[in-house]
N, C-alpha and C. Protein backbone atom coordinates (compact mmCIF):
# COMPACT_ATOMS: atom_id res chain seq x y z
N MET A 1 35.98 -22.45 -8.06
CA MET A 1 35.13 -21.32 -8.38
C MET A 1 33.76 -21.80 -8.85
N GLY A 2 33.68 -22.94 -9.53
CA GLY A 2 32.41 -23.45 -10.02
C GLY A 2 31.42 -23.71 -8.90
N SER A 3 31.90 -24.11 -7.72
CA SER A 3 30.99 -24.40 -6.62
C SER A 3 30.37 -23.12 -6.05
N MET A 4 30.94 -21.97 -6.34
CA MET A 4 30.43 -20.70 -5.84
C MET A 4 29.38 -20.09 -6.78
N LYS A 5 29.22 -20.67 -7.94
CA LYS A 5 28.37 -20.08 -8.97
C LYS A 5 26.97 -19.75 -8.48
N GLY A 6 26.34 -20.63 -7.74
CA GLY A 6 24.97 -20.41 -7.32
C GLY A 6 24.81 -19.56 -6.07
N LEU A 7 25.89 -19.07 -5.49
CA LEU A 7 25.77 -18.36 -4.22
C LEU A 7 25.43 -16.89 -4.36
N GLY A 8 25.70 -16.28 -5.50
CA GLY A 8 25.42 -14.87 -5.70
C GLY A 8 23.98 -14.51 -5.39
N PRO A 9 23.01 -15.14 -6.05
CA PRO A 9 21.61 -14.81 -5.78
C PRO A 9 21.21 -15.08 -4.33
N LEU A 10 21.77 -16.13 -3.72
CA LEU A 10 21.42 -16.43 -2.33
C LEU A 10 21.88 -15.32 -1.40
N LEU A 11 23.09 -14.82 -1.63
CA LEU A 11 23.60 -13.75 -0.79
C LEU A 11 22.78 -12.48 -0.99
N LYS A 12 22.42 -12.18 -2.21
CA LYS A 12 21.61 -11.00 -2.49
C LYS A 12 20.24 -11.12 -1.83
N ILE A 13 19.65 -12.29 -1.88
CA ILE A 13 18.34 -12.51 -1.30
C ILE A 13 18.36 -12.25 0.20
N GLU A 14 19.42 -12.65 0.86
CA GLU A 14 19.52 -12.46 2.31
C GLU A 14 19.49 -10.97 2.67
N LEU A 15 19.92 -10.08 1.77
CA LEU A 15 20.00 -8.66 2.07
C LEU A 15 18.69 -7.92 1.82
N ILE A 16 17.71 -8.57 1.22
CA ILE A 16 16.45 -7.91 0.90
C ILE A 16 15.69 -7.56 2.17
N PHE A 17 15.64 -8.46 3.12
CA PHE A 17 14.89 -8.24 4.36
C PHE A 17 15.84 -8.05 5.53
N THR A 18 15.39 -7.29 6.50
CA THR A 18 16.17 -7.09 7.73
C THR A 18 15.41 -7.71 8.90
N ASP A 19 16.05 -7.76 10.04
CA ASP A 19 15.41 -8.34 11.23
C ASP A 19 14.11 -7.62 11.57
N GLU A 20 14.02 -6.34 11.25
CA GLU A 20 12.80 -5.57 11.54
C GLU A 20 11.60 -6.04 10.71
N ASP A 21 11.87 -6.69 9.56
CA ASP A 21 10.79 -7.13 8.69
C ASP A 21 10.13 -8.43 9.16
N TYR A 22 10.86 -9.21 9.96
CA TYR A 22 10.36 -10.52 10.38
C TYR A 22 9.32 -10.40 11.50
N GLY A 23 8.38 -11.34 11.50
CA GLY A 23 7.40 -11.40 12.57
C GLY A 23 6.17 -10.54 12.33
N LYS A 24 6.08 -9.96 11.14
CA LYS A 24 4.90 -9.16 10.80
C LYS A 24 4.61 -9.33 9.31
N PRO A 25 3.41 -8.96 8.89
CA PRO A 25 3.08 -9.10 7.47
C PRO A 25 3.93 -8.18 6.60
N ILE A 26 4.08 -8.56 5.34
CA ILE A 26 4.75 -7.69 4.38
C ILE A 26 3.90 -6.44 4.18
N SER A 27 4.47 -5.41 3.58
CA SER A 27 3.73 -4.17 3.38
C SER A 27 2.56 -4.36 2.42
N GLU A 28 1.57 -3.50 2.56
CA GLU A 28 0.42 -3.56 1.65
C GLU A 28 0.87 -3.35 0.21
N LYS A 29 1.80 -2.45 -0.01
CA LYS A 29 2.30 -2.17 -1.37
C LYS A 29 2.98 -3.40 -1.96
N LEU A 30 3.86 -4.05 -1.19
CA LEU A 30 4.53 -5.25 -1.70
C LEU A 30 3.51 -6.34 -1.98
N SER A 31 2.53 -6.50 -1.11
CA SER A 31 1.48 -7.49 -1.32
C SER A 31 0.76 -7.24 -2.65
N GLU A 32 0.38 -5.99 -2.86
CA GLU A 32 -0.34 -5.61 -4.08
C GLU A 32 0.50 -5.89 -5.34
N VAL A 33 1.77 -5.52 -5.29
CA VAL A 33 2.65 -5.72 -6.45
C VAL A 33 2.89 -7.20 -6.71
N LEU A 34 3.09 -7.98 -5.66
CA LEU A 34 3.29 -9.42 -5.84
C LEU A 34 2.03 -10.09 -6.40
N ARG A 35 0.86 -9.70 -5.91
CA ARG A 35 -0.39 -10.28 -6.41
C ARG A 35 -0.63 -9.93 -7.87
N ARG A 36 -0.29 -8.70 -8.23
CA ARG A 36 -0.52 -8.25 -9.60
C ARG A 36 0.45 -8.89 -10.60
N ASN A 37 1.65 -9.22 -10.16
CA ASN A 37 2.71 -9.62 -11.09
C ASN A 37 3.18 -11.06 -10.97
N THR A 38 2.48 -11.88 -10.17
CA THR A 38 2.84 -13.30 -10.09
C THR A 38 1.58 -14.16 -10.26
N SER A 39 1.83 -15.39 -10.68
CA SER A 39 0.73 -16.33 -10.91
C SER A 39 0.81 -17.48 -9.91
N LYS A 40 -0.21 -18.31 -9.94
CA LYS A 40 -0.19 -19.52 -9.11
C LYS A 40 0.99 -20.41 -9.48
N ASN A 41 1.32 -20.44 -10.77
CA ASN A 41 2.49 -21.23 -11.21
C ASN A 41 3.78 -20.70 -10.60
N ASP A 42 3.92 -19.38 -10.52
CA ASP A 42 5.11 -18.80 -9.88
C ASP A 42 5.20 -19.26 -8.43
N LEU A 43 4.08 -19.18 -7.71
CA LEU A 43 4.07 -19.62 -6.31
C LEU A 43 4.40 -21.10 -6.19
N ALA A 44 3.81 -21.91 -7.06
CA ALA A 44 4.05 -23.36 -7.02
C ALA A 44 5.51 -23.69 -7.29
N ASN A 45 6.09 -23.04 -8.30
CA ASN A 45 7.49 -23.31 -8.65
C ASN A 45 8.43 -22.89 -7.52
N ILE A 46 8.15 -21.77 -6.90
CA ILE A 46 8.99 -21.31 -5.79
C ILE A 46 8.79 -22.19 -4.57
N ALA A 47 7.59 -22.67 -4.34
CA ALA A 47 7.35 -23.61 -3.23
C ALA A 47 8.21 -24.85 -3.39
N ILE A 48 8.29 -25.36 -4.62
CA ILE A 48 9.11 -26.54 -4.89
C ILE A 48 10.59 -26.24 -4.66
N ARG A 49 11.03 -25.10 -5.15
CA ARG A 49 12.46 -24.73 -5.04
C ARG A 49 12.91 -24.49 -3.61
N THR A 50 12.01 -24.00 -2.77
CA THR A 50 12.41 -23.57 -1.42
C THR A 50 11.92 -24.48 -0.30
N ASN A 51 11.08 -25.46 -0.62
CA ASN A 51 10.46 -26.30 0.42
C ASN A 51 9.62 -25.50 1.40
N VAL A 52 9.09 -24.37 0.94
CA VAL A 52 8.11 -23.60 1.70
C VAL A 52 6.78 -23.90 1.03
N SER A 53 5.77 -24.24 1.79
CA SER A 53 4.51 -24.66 1.18
C SER A 53 3.85 -23.53 0.38
N PHE A 54 3.13 -23.95 -0.65
CA PHE A 54 2.37 -23.01 -1.48
C PHE A 54 1.46 -22.16 -0.60
N SER A 55 0.78 -22.80 0.35
CA SER A 55 -0.18 -22.07 1.19
C SER A 55 0.51 -21.05 2.09
N THR A 56 1.70 -21.36 2.56
CA THR A 56 2.45 -20.39 3.37
C THR A 56 2.84 -19.19 2.54
N ILE A 57 3.36 -19.44 1.33
CA ILE A 57 3.73 -18.33 0.44
C ILE A 57 2.51 -17.47 0.14
N ARG A 58 1.41 -18.12 -0.22
CA ARG A 58 0.18 -17.40 -0.53
C ARG A 58 -0.27 -16.56 0.66
N ASP A 59 -0.23 -17.15 1.86
CA ASP A 59 -0.68 -16.44 3.06
C ASP A 59 0.21 -15.23 3.37
N VAL A 60 1.51 -15.36 3.12
CA VAL A 60 2.40 -14.20 3.32
C VAL A 60 2.08 -13.12 2.30
N VAL A 61 1.88 -13.52 1.06
CA VAL A 61 1.56 -12.55 0.00
C VAL A 61 0.26 -11.82 0.32
N TYR A 62 -0.73 -12.54 0.81
CA TYR A 62 -2.03 -11.93 1.13
C TYR A 62 -2.09 -11.33 2.54
N ARG A 63 -0.95 -11.35 3.25
CA ARG A 63 -0.80 -10.69 4.55
C ARG A 63 -1.60 -11.36 5.67
N THR A 64 -1.95 -12.63 5.49
CA THR A 64 -2.62 -13.36 6.58
C THR A 64 -1.60 -14.18 7.38
N ASN A 65 -0.35 -14.11 6.97
CA ASN A 65 0.75 -14.77 7.68
C ASN A 65 1.93 -13.81 7.67
N SER A 66 2.77 -13.89 8.67
CA SER A 66 3.91 -12.99 8.78
C SER A 66 5.12 -13.51 8.01
N LEU A 67 5.99 -12.57 7.67
CA LEU A 67 7.28 -12.91 7.09
C LEU A 67 8.15 -13.50 8.19
N THR A 68 8.82 -14.61 7.90
CA THR A 68 9.76 -15.22 8.85
C THR A 68 11.06 -15.49 8.14
N LYS A 69 12.09 -15.81 8.90
CA LYS A 69 13.36 -16.17 8.29
C LYS A 69 13.21 -17.43 7.45
N LEU A 70 12.24 -18.28 7.79
CA LEU A 70 12.04 -19.53 7.06
C LEU A 70 11.34 -19.31 5.71
N ASN A 71 10.45 -18.32 5.63
CA ASN A 71 9.76 -18.12 4.35
C ASN A 71 10.32 -16.94 3.55
N ALA A 72 11.28 -16.21 4.10
CA ALA A 72 11.82 -15.02 3.44
C ALA A 72 12.48 -15.34 2.10
N LYS A 73 13.14 -16.49 2.00
CA LYS A 73 13.78 -16.84 0.73
C LYS A 73 12.71 -17.01 -0.36
N ALA A 74 11.61 -17.66 -0.02
CA ALA A 74 10.53 -17.86 -0.98
C ALA A 74 9.95 -16.51 -1.42
N ILE A 75 9.74 -15.60 -0.48
CA ILE A 75 9.18 -14.30 -0.82
C ILE A 75 10.18 -13.50 -1.66
N SER A 76 11.45 -13.62 -1.34
CA SER A 76 12.48 -12.93 -2.13
C SER A 76 12.49 -13.44 -3.57
N LEU A 77 12.41 -14.76 -3.73
CA LEU A 77 12.36 -15.33 -5.09
C LEU A 77 11.09 -14.89 -5.81
N LEU A 78 10.00 -14.77 -5.07
CA LEU A 78 8.75 -14.30 -5.66
C LEU A 78 8.88 -12.85 -6.11
N MET A 79 9.62 -12.04 -5.34
CA MET A 79 9.87 -10.65 -5.73
C MET A 79 10.66 -10.60 -7.05
N HIS A 80 11.64 -11.48 -7.18
CA HIS A 80 12.41 -11.54 -8.44
C HIS A 80 11.50 -11.94 -9.60
N ALA A 81 10.64 -12.92 -9.38
CA ALA A 81 9.71 -13.36 -10.42
C ALA A 81 8.75 -12.23 -10.79
N ALA A 82 8.26 -11.50 -9.79
CA ALA A 82 7.35 -10.39 -10.05
C ALA A 82 8.04 -9.31 -10.88
N PHE A 83 9.30 -9.05 -10.57
CA PHE A 83 10.05 -8.05 -11.33
C PHE A 83 10.18 -8.47 -12.79
N GLU A 84 10.60 -9.73 -13.01
CA GLU A 84 10.74 -10.24 -14.37
C GLU A 84 9.41 -10.21 -15.11
N ASN A 85 8.34 -10.62 -14.43
CA ASN A 85 7.02 -10.62 -15.05
C ASN A 85 6.55 -9.21 -15.38
N SER A 86 6.85 -8.23 -14.51
CA SER A 86 6.40 -6.86 -14.75
C SER A 86 7.10 -6.29 -15.99
N VAL A 87 8.36 -6.63 -16.18
CA VAL A 87 9.08 -6.19 -17.39
C VAL A 87 8.44 -6.82 -18.62
N ALA A 88 8.13 -8.11 -18.55
CA ALA A 88 7.50 -8.80 -19.68
C ALA A 88 6.12 -8.22 -19.98
N TYR A 89 5.34 -7.92 -18.92
CA TYR A 89 4.01 -7.34 -19.12
C TYR A 89 4.11 -5.97 -19.78
N LYS A 90 5.11 -5.19 -19.38
CA LYS A 90 5.30 -3.85 -19.95
C LYS A 90 5.60 -3.95 -21.44
N LEU A 91 6.50 -4.85 -21.81
CA LEU A 91 6.85 -5.02 -23.22
C LEU A 91 5.64 -5.50 -24.01
N GLN A 92 4.89 -6.42 -23.44
CA GLN A 92 3.70 -6.93 -24.11
C GLN A 92 2.66 -5.83 -24.29
N ALA A 93 2.47 -5.01 -23.26
CA ALA A 93 1.50 -3.92 -23.34
C ALA A 93 1.92 -2.89 -24.39
N GLU A 94 3.21 -2.61 -24.47
CA GLU A 94 3.69 -1.67 -25.49
C GLU A 94 3.42 -2.21 -26.89
N GLY A 95 3.67 -3.51 -27.09
CA GLY A 95 3.39 -4.13 -28.39
C GLY A 95 1.91 -4.10 -28.71
N ASP A 96 1.08 -4.39 -27.72
CA ASP A 96 -0.38 -4.36 -27.91
C ASP A 96 -0.84 -2.95 -28.26
N ASN A 97 -0.24 -1.96 -27.61
CA ASN A 97 -0.60 -0.56 -27.85
C ASN A 97 -0.31 -0.18 -29.31
N VAL A 98 0.86 -0.57 -29.82
CA VAL A 98 1.22 -0.28 -31.21
C VAL A 98 0.26 -0.99 -32.16
N TYR A 99 0.00 -2.26 -31.90
CA TYR A 99 -0.89 -3.06 -32.74
C TYR A 99 -2.29 -2.45 -32.79
N LEU A 100 -2.86 -2.17 -31.61
CA LEU A 100 -4.22 -1.61 -31.55
C LEU A 100 -4.26 -0.20 -32.15
N GLY A 101 -3.23 0.59 -31.91
CA GLY A 101 -3.16 1.92 -32.50
C GLY A 101 -3.19 1.86 -34.02
N GLY A 102 -2.49 0.86 -34.56
CA GLY A 102 -2.50 0.67 -36.01
C GLY A 102 -3.87 0.28 -36.53
N LEU A 103 -4.54 -0.61 -35.82
CA LEU A 103 -5.88 -1.01 -36.23
C LEU A 103 -6.88 0.15 -36.15
N LEU A 104 -6.69 0.98 -35.14
CA LEU A 104 -7.63 2.08 -34.92
C LEU A 104 -7.19 3.38 -35.60
N ASN A 105 -6.06 3.31 -36.33
CA ASN A 105 -5.50 4.51 -37.01
C ASN A 105 -5.28 5.66 -36.04
N ILE A 106 -4.72 5.33 -34.87
CA ILE A 106 -4.44 6.36 -33.84
C ILE A 106 -2.98 6.73 -33.91
């Protein structure tokens, strides 16, 4: 059972994209969300983990390169990172809002 431990996320990642998604750029909305919620470090770390080059990941995110079966895992991992980052940004913004509201007596 221990050897199966890492397979859950891989199987889930495979279900994110369908054959219809390959061979064309990702959607404008996904591009916008990924750009807003990921950093260069996220791209670099995922490039290392997946053996997909940083420039390929960046080009897919910016829609100058198409999604392929070879880069889909990297984009899927980037989507997970963007989700985690968006939750962290939300919590940070809520804390900032309370802090600033207190300073401004709002």
